[in-house]
Amino acid sequence: MRTPRIDGNAILADAKLRRAALACADLSASGLWPPNFEAGFCGRMSRRIEKRLFASLAERDGDPVTLETAARLLVAMTDDERHQAAVAAGLIYHLSALGTVIDRHALSALTALFGKPSLSIALSCAHVSPRAAQSLGVSDEEWKQVVEADGWAILDLWAAEHGLTQTWRGWSRQAVGGSVFLVASAALAIASAVVRHGEFTQGEAK
């Protein structure tokens, strides 16, 4: 009888994903740990405690390894990558408010506000931007706050649709101060485009 082949790369990838999921988990949302538990402890936990903590969360909220590829990509992102994705998502949602043509001055202002990587992703996914309800100024700090908050809300909505419970969506706490209402269909299309963007899928299994 042939011994089943063990895929070492897959095992390592799953372990990396679980560690990433734990790093971005909202432990207080799980109901198993006191509020702000992670702020003072998670960065210093031993490997043994880390394993026990993940096991207790996975038993209650599911193992992120079982998610589909796109959802795994979102979980596996670093904090910086996830922030970049959120900003890009918010920009795409509000991009059409700038008009049909973005001139050089507007492009410079947007780059200064949101950074070149997020803006590049947003422009490459502009086709999924919904029609704007009103015109917005690109240099408005209040708009920057709305764009970022809406971006986090968009990622959070998409993640929930793809099976991630609140415990694994610690970033949702950053979706504060955004729009009162988001068009769900547009938000889901935008998040799907951003998460699957080549900026984040390089080196990952498609």
C-alpha atoms as a PDB file:
ATOM      1  CA  MET A   1       0.000   0.000   0.000  1.00  0.00           C
ATOM      2  CA  ARG A   2       1.432   3.351  -1.075  1.00  0.00           C
ATOM      3  CA  THR A   3       1.973   5.920   1.667  1.00  0.00           C
ATOM      4  CA  PRO A   4      -0.047   9.096   1.007  1.00  0.00           C
ATOM      5  CA  ARG A   5       2.127  11.917  -0.279  1.00  0.00           C
ATOM      6  CA  ILE A   6       2.549  14.763   2.204  1.00  0.00           C
ATOM      7  CA  ASP A   7       2.759  18.226   0.662  1.00  0.00           C
ATOM      8  CA  GLY A   8       5.234  20.044   2.870  1.00  0.00           C
ATOM      9  CA  ASN A   9       4.681  23.363   1.097  1.00  0.00           C
ATOM     10  CA  ALA A  10       0.934  23.195   1.737  1.00  0.00           C
ATOM     11  CA  ILE A  11       1.505  22.418   5.416  1.00  0.00           C
ATOM     12  CA  LEU A  12       3.826  25.395   5.778  1.00  0.00           C
ATOM     13  CA  ALA A  13       1.428  27.656   3.891  1.00  0.00           C
ATOM     14  CA  ASP A  14      -1.447  26.618   6.168  1.00  0.00           C
ATOM     15  CA  ALA A  15       0.633  27.277   9.273  1.00  0.00           C
ATOM     16  CA  LYS A  16       1.581  30.723   7.952  1.00  0.00           C
ATOM     17  CA  LEU A  17      -2.060  31.522   7.196  1.00  0.00           C
ATOM     18  CA  ARG A  18      -3.207  30.465  10.667  1.00  0.00           C
ATOM     19  CA  ARG A  19      -0.557  32.643  12.268  1.00  0.00           C
ATOM     20  CA  ALA A  20      -1.642  35.583  10.090  1.00  0.00           C
ATOM     21  CA  ALA A  21      -5.285  34.975  11.044  1.00  0.00           C
ATOM     22  CA  LEU A  22      -4.411  35.005  14.717  1.00  0.00           C
ATOM     23  CA  ALA A  23      -2.424  38.223  14.312  1.00  0.00           C
ATOM     24  CA  CYS A  24      -5.434  40.089  12.887  1.00  0.00           C
ATOM     25  CA  ALA A  25      -8.091  38.462  15.079  1.00  0.00           C
ATOM     26  CA  ASP A  26     -10.412  40.468  17.285  1.00  0.00           C
ATOM     27  CA  LEU A  27     -10.156  38.389  20.436  1.00  0.00           C
ATOM     28  CA  SER A  28     -12.709  40.435  22.340  1.00  0.00           C
ATOM     29  CA  ALA A  29     -15.290  39.708  19.612  1.00  0.00           C
ATOM     30  CA  SER A  30     -14.911  35.978  20.206  1.00  0.00           C
ATOM     31  CA  GLY A  31     -16.430  36.251  23.664  1.00  0.00           C
ATOM     32  CA  LEU A  32     -13.719  33.926  24.968  1.00  0.00           C
ATOM     33  CA  TRP A  33     -11.268  36.606  26.084  1.00  0.00           C
ATOM     34  CA  PRO A  34     -11.551  39.919  27.936  1.00  0.00           C
ATOM     35  CA  PRO A  35     -11.678  43.263  26.017  1.00  0.00           C
ATOM     36  CA  ASN A  36      -8.318  44.513  24.670  1.00  0.00           C
ATOM     37  CA  PHE A  37      -6.698  41.174  25.572  1.00  0.00           C
ATOM     38  CA  GLU A  38      -4.631  41.117  22.393  1.00  0.00           C
ATOM     39  CA  ALA A  39      -3.241  44.620  22.885  1.00  0.00           C
ATOM     40  CA  GLY A  40      -1.165  43.637  25.886  1.00  0.00           C
ATOM     41  CA  PHE A  41      -0.420  39.991  25.288  1.00  0.00           C
ATOM     42  CA  CYS A  42      -0.630  38.598  21.762  1.00  0.00           C
ATOM     43  CA  GLY A  43       2.723  39.974  20.687  1.00  0.00           C
ATOM     44  CA  ARG A  44       4.476  38.149  23.527  1.00  0.00           C
ATOM     45  CA  MET A  45       2.678  34.810  23.714  1.00  0.00           C
ATOM     46  CA  SER A  46       4.629  31.579  23.566  1.00  0.00           C
ATOM     47  CA  ARG A  47       4.146  29.133  20.715  1.00  0.00           C
ATOM     48  CA  ARG A  48       2.293  26.756  23.053  1.00  0.00           C
ATOM     49  CA  ILE A  49      -0.197  29.427  24.138  1.00  0.00           C
ATOM     50  CA  GLU A  50      -0.503  30.608  20.540  1.00  0.00           C
ATOM     51  CA  LYS A  51      -1.537  27.096  19.482  1.00  0.00           C
ATOM     52  CA  ARG A  52      -4.066  26.799  22.302  1.00  0.00           C
ATOM     53  CA  LEU A  53      -5.505  30.216  21.521  1.00  0.00           C
ATOM     54  CA  PHE A  54      -5.873  29.461  17.824  1.00  0.00           C
ATOM     55  CA  ALA A  55      -7.456  26.079  18.553  1.00  0.00           C
ATOM     56  CA  SER A  56     -10.082  27.634  20.822  1.00  0.00           C
ATOM     57  CA  LEU A  57     -10.916  30.313  18.247  1.00  0.00           C
ATOM     58  CA  ALA A  58     -11.002  27.880  15.325  1.00  0.00           C
ATOM     59  CA  GLU A  59     -13.291  25.520  17.205  1.00  0.00           C
ATOM     60  CA  ARG A  60     -15.772  28.338  17.708  1.00  0.00           C
ATOM     61  CA  ASP A  61     -15.313  30.409  14.530  1.00  0.00           C
ATOM     62  CA  GLY A  62     -13.894  27.972  11.986  1.00  0.00           C
ATOM     63  CA  ASP A  63     -10.399  27.424  10.603  1.00  0.00           C
ATOM     64  CA  PRO A  64      -9.413  30.118   8.029  1.00  0.00           C
ATOM     65  CA  VAL A  65      -7.456  27.439   6.154  1.00  0.00           C
ATOM     66  CA  THR A  66     -10.770  25.997   4.933  1.00  0.00           C
ATOM     67  CA  LEU A  67     -11.748  29.265   3.220  1.00  0.00           C
ATOM     68  CA  GLU A  68     -11.635  29.720  -0.545  1.00  0.00           C
ATOM     69  CA  THR A  69      -8.473  31.104  -2.119  1.00  0.00           C
ATOM     70  CA  ALA A  70      -9.568  34.759  -2.349  1.00  0.00           C
ATOM     71  CA  ALA A  71     -10.565  34.927   1.324  1.00  0.00           C
ATOM     72  CA  ARG A  72      -7.275  33.301   2.277  1.00  0.00           C
ATOM     73  CA  LEU A  73      -5.455  36.029   0.361  1.00  0.00           C
ATOM     74  CA  LEU A  74      -7.122  38.723   2.458  1.00  0.00           C
ATOM     75  CA  VAL A  75      -6.270  36.959   5.719  1.00  0.00           C
ATOM     76  CA  ALA A  76      -2.673  36.345   4.631  1.00  0.00           C
ATOM     77  CA  MET A  77      -1.988  40.022   3.892  1.00  0.00           C
ATOM     78  CA  THR A  78       0.316  41.960   6.181  1.00  0.00           C
ATOM     79  CA  ASP A  79      -1.167  44.915   8.060  1.00  0.00           C
ATOM     80  CA  ASP A  80       0.382  47.294   5.526  1.00  0.00           C
ATOM     81  CA  GLU A  81      -0.978  45.325   2.567  1.00  0.00           C
ATOM     82  CA  ARG A  82      -4.453  45.162   4.092  1.00  0.00           C
ATOM     83  CA  HIS A  83      -4.404  48.911   4.731  1.00  0.00           C
ATOM     84  CA  GLN A  84      -3.291  49.461   1.147  1.00  0.00           C
ATOM     85  CA  ALA A  85      -6.162  47.270  -0.044  1.00  0.00           C
ATOM     86  CA  ALA A  86      -8.674  49.135   2.121  1.00  0.00           C
ATOM     87  CA  VAL A  87      -7.549  52.527   0.832  1.00  0.00           C
ATOM     88  CA  ALA A  88      -7.708  51.251  -2.753  1.00  0.00           C
ATOM     89  CA  ALA A  89     -11.226  49.887  -2.182  1.00  0.00           C
ATOM     90  CA  GLY A  90     -12.428  53.185  -0.727  1.00  0.00           C
ATOM     91  CA  LEU A  91     -10.843  55.107  -3.585  1.00  0.00           C
ATOM     92  CA  ILE A  92     -12.512  52.925  -6.197  1.00  0.00           C
ATOM     93  CA  TYR A  93     -15.895  53.418  -4.550  1.00  0.00           C
ATOM     94  CA  HIS A  94     -15.540  57.214  -4.638  1.00  0.00           C
ATOM     95  CA  LEU A  95     -13.373  57.542  -7.756  1.00  0.00           C
ATOM     96  CA  SER A  96     -16.138  58.635 -10.101  1.00  0.00           C
ATOM     97  CA  ALA A  97     -16.823  61.620  -7.828  1.00  0.00           C
ATOM     98  CA  LEU A  98     -13.678  63.157  -9.340  1.00  0.00           C
ATOM     99  CA  GLY A  99     -15.228  63.271 -12.794  1.00  0.00           C
ATOM    100  CA  THR A 100     -14.622  61.340 -15.972  1.00  0.00           C
ATOM    101  CA  VAL A 101     -11.086  62.703 -16.389  1.00  0.00           C
ATOM    102  CA  ILE A 102      -8.471  62.989 -13.633  1.00  0.00           C
ATOM    103  CA  ASP A 103      -5.980  65.694 -14.568  1.00  0.00           C
ATOM    104  CA  ARG A 104      -2.358  65.906 -13.482  1.00  0.00           C
ATOM    105  CA  HIS A 105      -3.138  68.193 -10.530  1.00  0.00           C
ATOM    106  CA  ALA A 106      -5.816  65.835  -9.203  1.00  0.00           C
ATOM    107  CA  LEU A 107      -3.508  62.855  -9.691  1.00  0.00           C
ATOM    108  CA  SER A 108      -0.757  64.545  -7.658  1.00  0.00           C
ATOM    109  CA  ALA A 109      -3.218  65.446  -4.904  1.00  0.00           C
ATOM    110  CA  LEU A 110      -4.570  61.900  -4.749  1.00  0.00           C
ATOM    111  CA  THR A 111      -1.063  60.459  -4.610  1.00  0.00           C
ATOM    112  CA  ALA A 112      -0.180  62.757  -1.716  1.00  0.00           C
ATOM    113  CA  LEU A 113      -3.336  61.814   0.167  1.00  0.00           C
ATOM    114  CA  PHE A 114      -3.457  58.075  -0.386  1.00  0.00           C
ATOM    115  CA  GLY A 115      -0.080  56.925  -1.688  1.00  0.00           C
ATOM    116  CA  LYS A 116       0.920  55.702  -5.130  1.00  0.00           C
ATOM    117  CA  PRO A 117       0.358  51.925  -4.585  1.00  0.00           C
ATOM    118  CA  SER A 118      -3.284  52.267  -3.487  1.00  0.00           C
ATOM    119  CA  LEU A 119      -3.995  54.836  -6.185  1.00  0.00           C
ATOM    120  CA  SER A 120      -2.485  52.601  -8.876  1.00  0.00           C
ATOM    121  CA  ILE A 121      -4.696  49.703  -7.795  1.00  0.00           C
ATOM    122  CA  ALA A 122      -7.748  51.986  -7.725  1.00  0.00           C
ATOM    123  CA  LEU A 123      -7.126  53.330 -11.212  1.00  0.00           C
ATOM    124  CA  SER A 124      -6.587  49.847 -12.621  1.00  0.00           C
ATOM    125  CA  CYS A 125      -9.950  48.774 -11.154  1.00  0.00           C
ATOM    126  CA  ALA A 126     -11.841  51.975 -12.013  1.00  0.00           C
ATOM    127  CA  HIS A 127     -14.295  50.012 -14.167  1.00  0.00           C
ATOM    128  CA  VAL A 128     -16.053  48.719 -11.025  1.00  0.00           C
ATOM    129  CA  SER A 129     -16.473  52.184  -9.488  1.00  0.00           C
ATOM    130  CA  PRO A 130     -20.169  53.017  -8.997  1.00  0.00           C
ATOM    131  CA  ARG A 131     -21.698  56.240 -10.263  1.00  0.00           C
ATOM    132  CA  ALA A 132     -21.065  59.046  -7.764  1.00  0.00           C
ATOM    133  CA  ALA A 133     -23.881  60.898  -6.012  1.00  0.00           C
ATOM    134  CA  GLN A 134     -21.877  64.092  -5.562  1.00  0.00           C
ATOM    135  CA  SER A 135     -18.581  65.755  -6.394  1.00  0.00           C
ATOM    136  CA  LEU A 136     -15.810  65.643  -3.778  1.00  0.00           C
ATOM    137  CA  GLY A 137     -12.561  67.611  -3.386  1.00  0.00           C
ATOM    138  CA  VAL A 138      -9.405  65.524  -3.601  1.00  0.00           C
ATOM    139  CA  SER A 139      -7.532  67.602  -1.006  1.00  0.00           C
ATOM    140  CA  ASP A 140     -10.219  67.369   1.666  1.00  0.00           C
ATOM    141  CA  GLU A 141      -8.923  65.578   4.805  1.00  0.00           C
ATOM    142  CA  GLU A 142     -12.474  64.690   5.717  1.00  0.00           C
ATOM    143  CA  TRP A 143     -12.795  62.892   2.399  1.00  0.00           C
ATOM    144  CA  LYS A 144      -9.600  60.984   3.155  1.00  0.00           C
ATOM    145  CA  GLN A 145     -11.152  59.748   6.386  1.00  0.00           C
ATOM    146  CA  VAL A 146     -14.354  58.737   4.607  1.00  0.00           C
ATOM    147  CA  VAL A 147     -12.446  56.948   1.819  1.00  0.00           C
ATOM    148  CA  GLU A 148     -10.339  54.916   4.259  1.00  0.00           C
ATOM    149  CA  ALA A 149     -13.262  54.082   6.550  1.00  0.00           C
ATOM    150  CA  ASP A 150     -15.413  53.044   3.585  1.00  0.00           C
ATOM    151  CA  GLY A 151     -12.542  50.922   2.288  1.00  0.00           C
ATOM    152  CA  TRP A 152     -12.359  49.015   5.572  1.00  0.00           C
ATOM    153  CA  ALA A 153     -16.145  48.621   5.562  1.00  0.00           C
ATOM    154  CA  ILE A 154     -16.008  47.279   1.995  1.00  0.00           C
ATOM    155  CA  LEU A 155     -13.349  44.689   2.872  1.00  0.00           C
ATOM    156  CA  ASP A 156     -15.284  43.744   5.988  1.00  0.00           C
ATOM    157  CA  LEU A 157     -18.537  43.253   4.074  1.00  0.00           C
ATOM    158  CA  TRP A 158     -16.791  41.118   1.471  1.00  0.00           C
ATOM    159  CA  ALA A 159     -14.987  39.035   4.112  1.00  0.00           C
ATOM    160  CA  ALA A 160     -18.250  38.342   5.945  1.00  0.00           C
ATOM    161  CA  GLU A 161     -19.816  37.234   2.655  1.00  0.00           C
ATOM    162  CA  HIS A 162     -16.923  34.812   2.178  1.00  0.00           C
ATOM    163  CA  GLY A 163     -17.263  33.093   5.543  1.00  0.00           C
ATOM    164  CA  LEU A 164     -14.963  35.050   7.855  1.00  0.00           C
ATOM    165  CA  THR A 165     -16.617  35.523  11.238  1.00  0.00           C
ATOM    166  CA  GLN A 166     -16.223  38.714  13.251  1.00  0.00           C
ATOM    167  CA  THR A 167     -13.434  37.158  15.312  1.00  0.00           C
ATOM    168  CA  TRP A 168     -11.183  36.838  12.253  1.00  0.00           C
ATOM    169  CA  ARG A 169     -12.039  40.369  11.067  1.00  0.00           C
ATOM    170  CA  GLY A 170     -10.207  42.532  13.608  1.00  0.00           C
ATOM    171  CA  TRP A 171      -9.738  45.214  10.970  1.00  0.00           C
ATOM    172  CA  SER A 172     -13.488  45.950  11.025  1.00  0.00           C
ATOM    173  CA  ARG A 173     -12.884  48.256  13.995  1.00  0.00           C
ATOM    174  CA  GLN A 174     -11.258  50.688  11.565  1.00  0.00           C
ATOM    175  CA  ALA A 175     -14.454  51.120   9.546  1.00  0.00           C
ATOM    176  CA  VAL A 176     -15.505  54.134  11.618  1.00  0.00           C
ATOM    177  CA  GLY A 177     -16.426  57.563  10.276  1.00  0.00           C
ATOM    178  CA  GLY A 178     -17.355  56.457   6.781  1.00  0.00           C
ATOM    179  CA  SER A 179     -20.453  56.828   4.654  1.00  0.00           C
ATOM    180  CA  VAL A 180     -23.846  56.243   6.241  1.00  0.00           C
ATOM    181  CA  PHE A 181     -24.770  53.934   3.369  1.00  0.00           C
ATOM    182  CA  LEU A 182     -22.790  51.807   0.920  1.00  0.00           C
ATOM    183  CA  VAL A 183     -24.190  50.078  -2.153  1.00  0.00           C
ATOM    184  CA  ALA A 184     -23.567  46.452  -1.217  1.00  0.00           C
ATOM    185  CA  SER A 185     -23.365  45.100  -4.770  1.00  0.00           C
ATOM    186  CA  ALA A 186     -20.768  47.711  -5.739  1.00  0.00           C
ATOM    187  CA  ALA A 187     -18.820  47.179  -2.512  1.00  0.00           C
ATOM    188  CA  LEU A 188     -18.604  43.422  -3.065  1.00  0.00           C
ATOM    189  CA  ALA A 189     -17.454  43.843  -6.674  1.00  0.00           C
ATOM    190  CA  ILE A 190     -14.798  46.333  -5.605  1.00  0.00           C
ATOM    191  CA  ALA A 191     -13.438  44.178  -2.784  1.00  0.00           C
ATOM    192  CA  SER A 192     -13.309  41.160  -5.064  1.00  0.00           C
ATOM    193  CA  ALA A 193     -11.278  43.109  -7.632  1.00  0.00           C
ATOM    194  CA  VAL A 194      -8.895  44.521  -5.026  1.00  0.00           C
ATOM    195  CA  VAL A 195      -8.232  41.288  -3.139  1.00  0.00           C
ATOM    196  CA  ARG A 196      -7.521  39.453  -6.390  1.00  0.00           C
ATOM    197  CA  HIS A 197      -5.333  42.264  -7.750  1.00  0.00           C
ATOM    198  CA  GLY A 198      -1.881  41.225  -8.904  1.00  0.00           C
ATOM    199  CA  GLU A 199      -0.320  43.451  -6.237  1.00  0.00           C
ATOM    200  CA  PHE A 200      -1.481  40.934  -3.625  1.00  0.00           C
ATOM    201  CA  THR A 201      -1.592  37.641  -5.538  1.00  0.00           C
ATOM    202  CA  GLN A 202       2.038  37.504  -6.660  1.00  0.00           C
ATOM    203  CA  GLY A 203       3.578  34.297  -5.416  1.00  0.00           C
ATOM    204  CA  GLU A 204       0.214  32.885  -4.316  1.00  0.00           C
ATOM    205  CA  ALA A 205      -1.567  29.945  -5.841  1.00  0.00           C
ATOM    206  CA  LYS A 206      -4.338  31.161  -8.097  1.00  0.00           C
END
